[in-house]
N, C-alpha and C. Protein backbone atom coordinates (compact mmCIF):
# COMPACT_ATOMS: atom_id res chain seq x y z
N MET A 1 -34.85 88.20 -16.98
CA MET A 1 -34.62 89.36 -16.11
C MET A 1 -33.99 88.90 -14.79
N GLU A 2 -32.95 89.57 -14.39
CA GLU A 2 -32.28 89.29 -13.12
C GLU A 2 -33.18 89.78 -11.98
N GLN A 3 -33.41 88.91 -11.00
CA GLN A 3 -34.24 89.30 -9.87
C GLN A 3 -33.36 89.56 -8.66
N ASN A 4 -33.77 90.53 -7.84
CA ASN A 4 -33.05 90.80 -6.61
C ASN A 4 -33.86 90.32 -5.41
N GLU A 5 -33.32 90.56 -4.23
CA GLU A 5 -33.97 90.08 -3.02
C GLU A 5 -35.41 90.56 -2.89
N ARG A 6 -35.64 91.84 -3.16
CA ARG A 6 -36.99 92.40 -3.01
C ARG A 6 -37.99 91.73 -3.97
N ASP A 7 -37.53 91.43 -5.19
CA ASP A 7 -38.41 90.76 -6.15
C ASP A 7 -38.84 89.40 -5.61
N TYR A 8 -37.89 88.64 -5.10
CA TYR A 8 -38.20 87.32 -4.56
C TYR A 8 -39.11 87.41 -3.33
N ILE A 9 -38.81 88.35 -2.44
CA ILE A 9 -39.64 88.50 -1.24
C ILE A 9 -41.09 88.77 -1.65
N LYS A 10 -41.29 89.64 -2.63
CA LYS A 10 -42.65 89.96 -3.08
C LYS A 10 -43.35 88.72 -3.64
N VAL A 11 -42.65 87.92 -4.44
CA VAL A 11 -43.24 86.69 -5.01
C VAL A 11 -43.69 85.76 -3.88
N TYR A 12 -42.82 85.56 -2.89
CA TYR A 12 -43.17 84.65 -1.79
C TYR A 12 -44.26 85.23 -0.90
N GLN A 13 -44.26 86.55 -0.69
CA GLN A 13 -45.34 87.14 0.09
C GLN A 13 -46.68 86.91 -0.59
N ASN A 14 -46.70 86.98 -1.92
CA ASN A 14 -47.94 86.70 -2.67
C ASN A 14 -48.37 85.25 -2.52
N LYS A 15 -47.46 84.36 -2.13
CA LYS A 15 -47.78 82.95 -1.91
C LYS A 15 -48.05 82.66 -0.43
N GLY A 16 -48.12 83.72 0.40
CA GLY A 16 -48.49 83.55 1.81
C GLY A 16 -47.35 83.55 2.80
N TYR A 17 -46.11 83.73 2.35
CA TYR A 17 -44.96 83.75 3.26
C TYR A 17 -44.75 85.18 3.76
N ILE A 18 -45.67 85.59 4.64
CA ILE A 18 -45.76 86.99 5.02
C ILE A 18 -45.32 87.30 6.45
N ASN A 19 -45.22 86.30 7.31
CA ASN A 19 -44.87 86.57 8.70
C ASN A 19 -43.46 87.12 8.79
N GLU A 20 -43.26 88.07 9.68
CA GLU A 20 -41.96 88.71 9.87
C GLU A 20 -41.34 88.25 11.17
N TYR A 21 -40.04 88.02 11.12
CA TYR A 21 -39.32 87.47 12.26
C TYR A 21 -38.06 88.28 12.54
N ARG A 22 -37.63 88.21 13.79
CA ARG A 22 -36.41 88.88 14.23
C ARG A 22 -35.73 87.97 15.24
N MET A 23 -34.41 88.01 15.30
CA MET A 23 -33.67 87.24 16.30
C MET A 23 -33.73 87.99 17.63
N ILE A 24 -34.20 87.31 18.66
CA ILE A 24 -34.23 87.87 20.01
C ILE A 24 -33.73 86.79 20.96
N ASP A 25 -32.64 87.05 21.64
CA ASP A 25 -32.06 86.12 22.61
C ASP A 25 -31.86 84.72 22.04
N GLY A 26 -31.36 84.65 20.81
CA GLY A 26 -31.05 83.36 20.20
C GLY A 26 -32.23 82.59 19.63
N LYS A 27 -33.41 83.20 19.67
CA LYS A 27 -34.62 82.55 19.13
C LYS A 27 -35.15 83.39 17.97
N LEU A 28 -35.66 82.71 16.95
CA LEU A 28 -36.35 83.40 15.87
C LEU A 28 -37.73 83.74 16.39
N THR A 29 -38.07 85.02 16.45
CA THR A 29 -39.29 85.47 17.11
C THR A 29 -40.22 86.15 16.12
N ASP A 30 -41.48 85.71 16.10
CA ASP A 30 -42.51 86.32 15.26
C ASP A 30 -42.75 87.73 15.80
N ILE A 31 -42.59 88.73 14.96
CA ILE A 31 -42.71 90.12 15.41
C ILE A 31 -44.11 90.42 15.93
N GLU A 32 -45.14 89.83 15.30
CA GLU A 32 -46.52 90.13 15.70
C GLU A 32 -46.95 89.35 16.93
N THR A 33 -46.75 88.03 16.94
CA THR A 33 -47.27 87.20 18.03
C THR A 33 -46.29 87.03 19.19
N LYS A 34 -45.01 87.34 18.94
CA LYS A 34 -43.92 87.18 19.92
C LYS A 34 -43.60 85.71 20.19
N LYS A 35 -44.17 84.80 19.42
CA LYS A 35 -43.85 83.38 19.57
C LYS A 35 -42.39 83.15 19.17
N GLU A 36 -41.71 82.33 19.96
CA GLU A 36 -40.29 82.05 19.73
C GLU A 36 -40.12 80.67 19.12
N TYR A 37 -39.14 80.57 18.21
CA TYR A 37 -38.84 79.31 17.54
C TYR A 37 -37.36 78.98 17.67
N SER A 38 -37.07 77.71 17.84
CA SER A 38 -35.69 77.23 17.83
C SER A 38 -35.43 76.59 16.46
N PRO A 39 -34.19 76.27 16.13
CA PRO A 39 -33.91 75.68 14.81
C PRO A 39 -34.73 74.43 14.50
N LYS A 40 -35.03 73.61 15.49
CA LYS A 40 -35.79 72.38 15.23
C LYS A 40 -37.25 72.65 14.86
N ASP A 41 -37.72 73.90 15.04
CA ASP A 41 -39.11 74.27 14.75
C ASP A 41 -39.31 74.84 13.34
N ILE A 42 -38.21 74.96 12.57
CA ILE A 42 -38.24 75.65 11.28
C ILE A 42 -37.96 74.67 10.15
N TYR A 43 -38.76 74.77 9.08
CA TYR A 43 -38.59 73.93 7.89
C TYR A 43 -38.36 74.83 6.69
N ILE A 44 -37.17 74.81 6.15
CA ILE A 44 -36.82 75.64 5.00
C ILE A 44 -37.43 74.99 3.76
N VAL A 45 -38.22 75.75 3.00
CA VAL A 45 -38.84 75.21 1.79
C VAL A 45 -38.27 75.82 0.51
N ALA A 46 -37.45 76.86 0.66
CA ALA A 46 -36.75 77.45 -0.48
C ALA A 46 -35.66 78.38 0.05
N GLU A 47 -34.61 78.55 -0.74
CA GLU A 47 -33.60 79.53 -0.39
C GLU A 47 -32.99 80.09 -1.68
N HIS A 48 -32.57 81.33 -1.59
CA HIS A 48 -31.96 82.03 -2.73
C HIS A 48 -30.76 82.81 -2.22
N ARG A 49 -29.65 82.70 -2.95
CA ARG A 49 -28.42 83.40 -2.57
C ARG A 49 -28.17 84.54 -3.54
N PHE A 50 -27.65 85.64 -3.00
CA PHE A 50 -27.43 86.85 -3.79
C PHE A 50 -26.04 87.42 -3.52
N GLU A 51 -25.43 87.98 -4.56
CA GLU A 51 -24.19 88.76 -4.42
C GLU A 51 -24.57 90.23 -4.49
N GLY A 52 -23.80 91.05 -3.77
CA GLY A 52 -24.03 92.48 -3.81
C GLY A 52 -23.74 93.04 -5.19
N MET A 53 -24.53 94.00 -5.63
CA MET A 53 -24.33 94.56 -6.97
C MET A 53 -23.05 95.37 -7.06
N SER A 54 -22.73 96.13 -6.03
CA SER A 54 -21.52 96.94 -6.08
C SER A 54 -20.31 96.20 -5.52
N ASN A 55 -20.54 95.22 -4.65
CA ASN A 55 -19.45 94.46 -4.06
C ASN A 55 -19.85 92.98 -4.00
N PRO A 56 -19.29 92.15 -4.89
CA PRO A 56 -19.68 90.73 -4.92
C PRO A 56 -19.41 89.98 -3.61
N SER A 57 -18.60 90.54 -2.72
CA SER A 57 -18.37 89.85 -1.45
C SER A 57 -19.47 90.14 -0.44
N ASP A 58 -20.38 91.07 -0.77
CA ASP A 58 -21.58 91.29 0.06
C ASP A 58 -22.58 90.20 -0.32
N LEU A 59 -22.69 89.20 0.51
CA LEU A 59 -23.52 88.04 0.21
C LEU A 59 -24.73 88.00 1.13
N SER A 60 -25.87 87.59 0.59
CA SER A 60 -27.05 87.41 1.42
C SER A 60 -27.80 86.17 0.94
N ILE A 61 -28.61 85.66 1.83
CA ILE A 61 -29.44 84.49 1.50
C ILE A 61 -30.85 84.76 2.00
N LEU A 62 -31.82 84.47 1.15
CA LEU A 62 -33.22 84.60 1.50
C LEU A 62 -33.75 83.21 1.84
N TYR A 63 -34.18 83.05 3.08
CA TYR A 63 -34.77 81.79 3.53
C TYR A 63 -36.29 81.92 3.49
N ILE A 64 -36.94 80.97 2.85
CA ILE A 64 -38.40 80.87 2.84
C ILE A 64 -38.72 79.64 3.69
N PHE A 65 -39.55 79.82 4.70
CA PHE A 65 -39.74 78.71 5.65
C PHE A 65 -41.15 78.63 6.19
N GLU A 66 -41.42 77.46 6.77
CA GLU A 66 -42.65 77.22 7.49
C GLU A 66 -42.28 76.77 8.89
N THR A 67 -43.10 77.15 9.86
CA THR A 67 -42.83 76.78 11.25
C THR A 67 -43.56 75.48 11.58
N ASN A 68 -43.21 74.90 12.71
CA ASN A 68 -43.86 73.66 13.14
C ASN A 68 -45.34 73.86 13.46
N ASP A 69 -45.77 75.12 13.64
CA ASP A 69 -47.20 75.39 13.87
C ASP A 69 -47.85 76.06 12.65
N LEU A 70 -47.24 75.82 11.47
CA LEU A 70 -47.81 76.14 10.16
C LEU A 70 -47.85 77.61 9.79
N PHE A 71 -47.03 78.44 10.41
CA PHE A 71 -46.89 79.82 9.95
C PHE A 71 -45.86 79.84 8.83
N LYS A 72 -45.98 80.83 7.94
CA LYS A 72 -45.07 80.94 6.80
C LYS A 72 -44.38 82.29 6.85
N GLY A 73 -43.06 82.27 6.62
CA GLY A 73 -42.32 83.52 6.66
C GLY A 73 -41.08 83.50 5.79
N ASN A 74 -40.38 84.62 5.82
CA ASN A 74 -39.13 84.74 5.11
C ASN A 74 -38.18 85.60 5.90
N VAL A 75 -36.89 85.32 5.74
CA VAL A 75 -35.85 86.09 6.42
C VAL A 75 -34.70 86.26 5.44
N LEU A 76 -34.18 87.47 5.36
CA LEU A 76 -33.00 87.76 4.56
C LEU A 76 -31.82 87.90 5.51
N ALA A 77 -30.81 87.07 5.30
CA ALA A 77 -29.66 87.07 6.21
C ALA A 77 -28.36 87.20 5.41
N GLY A 78 -27.38 87.83 6.03
CA GLY A 78 -26.05 87.85 5.43
C GLY A 78 -25.42 86.48 5.59
N TYR A 79 -24.54 86.12 4.66
CA TYR A 79 -23.82 84.86 4.82
C TYR A 79 -22.45 84.99 4.20
N GLY A 80 -21.64 83.99 4.43
CA GLY A 80 -20.29 83.99 3.89
C GLY A 80 -19.28 83.92 5.01
N PRO A 81 -18.00 83.86 4.63
CA PRO A 81 -16.95 83.68 5.63
C PRO A 81 -16.86 84.79 6.67
N SER A 82 -17.29 86.00 6.31
CA SER A 82 -17.17 87.12 7.25
C SER A 82 -18.41 87.32 8.10
N ASN A 83 -19.46 86.51 7.90
CA ASN A 83 -20.70 86.74 8.63
C ASN A 83 -20.85 85.74 9.77
N GLU A 84 -20.82 86.25 10.98
CA GLU A 84 -20.96 85.40 12.17
C GLU A 84 -22.14 85.86 13.01
N SER A 85 -23.20 86.34 12.36
CA SER A 85 -24.34 86.86 13.11
C SER A 85 -25.14 85.75 13.77
N ALA A 86 -25.92 86.12 14.76
CA ALA A 86 -26.80 85.17 15.45
C ALA A 86 -27.82 84.60 14.47
N LEU A 87 -28.28 85.41 13.53
CA LEU A 87 -29.25 84.94 12.55
C LEU A 87 -28.65 83.88 11.64
N SER A 88 -27.45 84.11 11.12
CA SER A 88 -26.83 83.10 10.25
C SER A 88 -26.52 81.83 11.04
N GLN A 89 -26.13 81.97 12.31
CA GLN A 89 -25.87 80.80 13.15
C GLN A 89 -27.14 80.00 13.38
N PHE A 90 -28.24 80.70 13.63
CA PHE A 90 -29.54 80.03 13.83
C PHE A 90 -29.88 79.17 12.62
N PHE A 91 -29.79 79.75 11.42
CA PHE A 91 -30.16 78.99 10.23
C PHE A 91 -29.19 77.86 9.94
N SER A 92 -27.93 78.01 10.31
CA SER A 92 -26.99 76.90 10.11
C SER A 92 -27.25 75.77 11.11
N ASP A 93 -27.95 76.05 12.21
CA ASP A 93 -28.29 75.04 13.21
C ASP A 93 -29.57 74.26 12.90
N ILE A 94 -30.29 74.65 11.86
CA ILE A 94 -31.50 73.90 11.48
C ILE A 94 -31.07 72.54 10.94
N PRO A 95 -31.66 71.46 11.44
CA PRO A 95 -31.27 70.12 10.96
C PRO A 95 -31.40 70.01 9.44
N LYS A 96 -30.40 69.41 8.82
CA LYS A 96 -30.35 69.30 7.36
C LYS A 96 -31.58 68.61 6.77
N GLU A 97 -32.17 67.67 7.50
CA GLU A 97 -33.35 67.00 6.97
C GLU A 97 -34.58 67.91 6.93
N GLN A 98 -34.47 69.11 7.50
CA GLN A 98 -35.56 70.09 7.48
C GLN A 98 -35.36 71.13 6.38
N PHE A 99 -34.46 70.85 5.44
CA PHE A 99 -34.23 71.71 4.29
C PHE A 99 -34.77 71.03 3.04
N SER A 100 -35.50 71.77 2.22
CA SER A 100 -35.90 71.29 0.90
C SER A 100 -36.02 72.52 0.01
N ASN A 101 -36.21 72.28 -1.25
CA ASN A 101 -36.47 73.38 -2.18
C ASN A 101 -37.82 73.18 -2.84
N GLU A 102 -38.73 72.49 -2.13
CA GLU A 102 -40.00 72.10 -2.72
C GLU A 102 -40.89 73.27 -3.11
N LYS A 103 -40.70 74.44 -2.50
CA LYS A 103 -41.53 75.60 -2.83
C LYS A 103 -40.73 76.68 -3.57
N ASN A 104 -39.55 76.33 -4.07
CA ASN A 104 -38.68 77.29 -4.74
C ASN A 104 -39.34 77.75 -6.04
N VAL A 105 -39.60 79.05 -6.16
CA VAL A 105 -40.30 79.57 -7.34
C VAL A 105 -39.48 79.40 -8.61
N ASP A 106 -38.17 79.32 -8.50
CA ASP A 106 -37.35 79.11 -9.69
C ASP A 106 -37.59 77.73 -10.28
N TYR A 107 -37.92 76.75 -9.44
CA TYR A 107 -38.18 75.40 -9.90
C TYR A 107 -39.65 75.17 -10.20
N CYS A 108 -40.53 75.91 -9.54
CA CYS A 108 -41.96 75.63 -9.61
C CYS A 108 -42.72 76.53 -10.59
N GLU A 109 -42.12 77.63 -11.04
CA GLU A 109 -42.88 78.61 -11.80
C GLU A 109 -43.37 78.09 -13.15
N ASN A 110 -42.75 77.06 -13.70
CA ASN A 110 -43.18 76.52 -14.98
C ASN A 110 -44.21 75.40 -14.83
N GLU A 111 -44.55 75.06 -13.60
CA GLU A 111 -45.54 74.00 -13.37
C GLU A 111 -46.94 74.62 -13.34
N GLY A 112 -47.91 73.84 -13.82
CA GLY A 112 -49.23 74.19 -14.01
C GLY A 112 -50.06 75.01 -13.21
């Protein structure tokens, strides 16, 4: 079965990646606590890319991440050549060594 963004978000929320974030003044900000994070504070543990169903050039990426103070969250961002948003810039500024796919459900779902 083909999964969409909402399906993946639900799977990760069931695994505890429930915190919600918004970009405010160039910082990823926890909506509830108002704590601000810079790219060096974020560790990507999974990502999923999606094409739009009606327009394949509508691209999005779901980032599953943990913060340096052990909060877990997810963010859905547009990406691609036409996307220059502050959110996509923030995620592109995260140091590459802070990216992994260790919690990716596509890779982990068959494990015990």
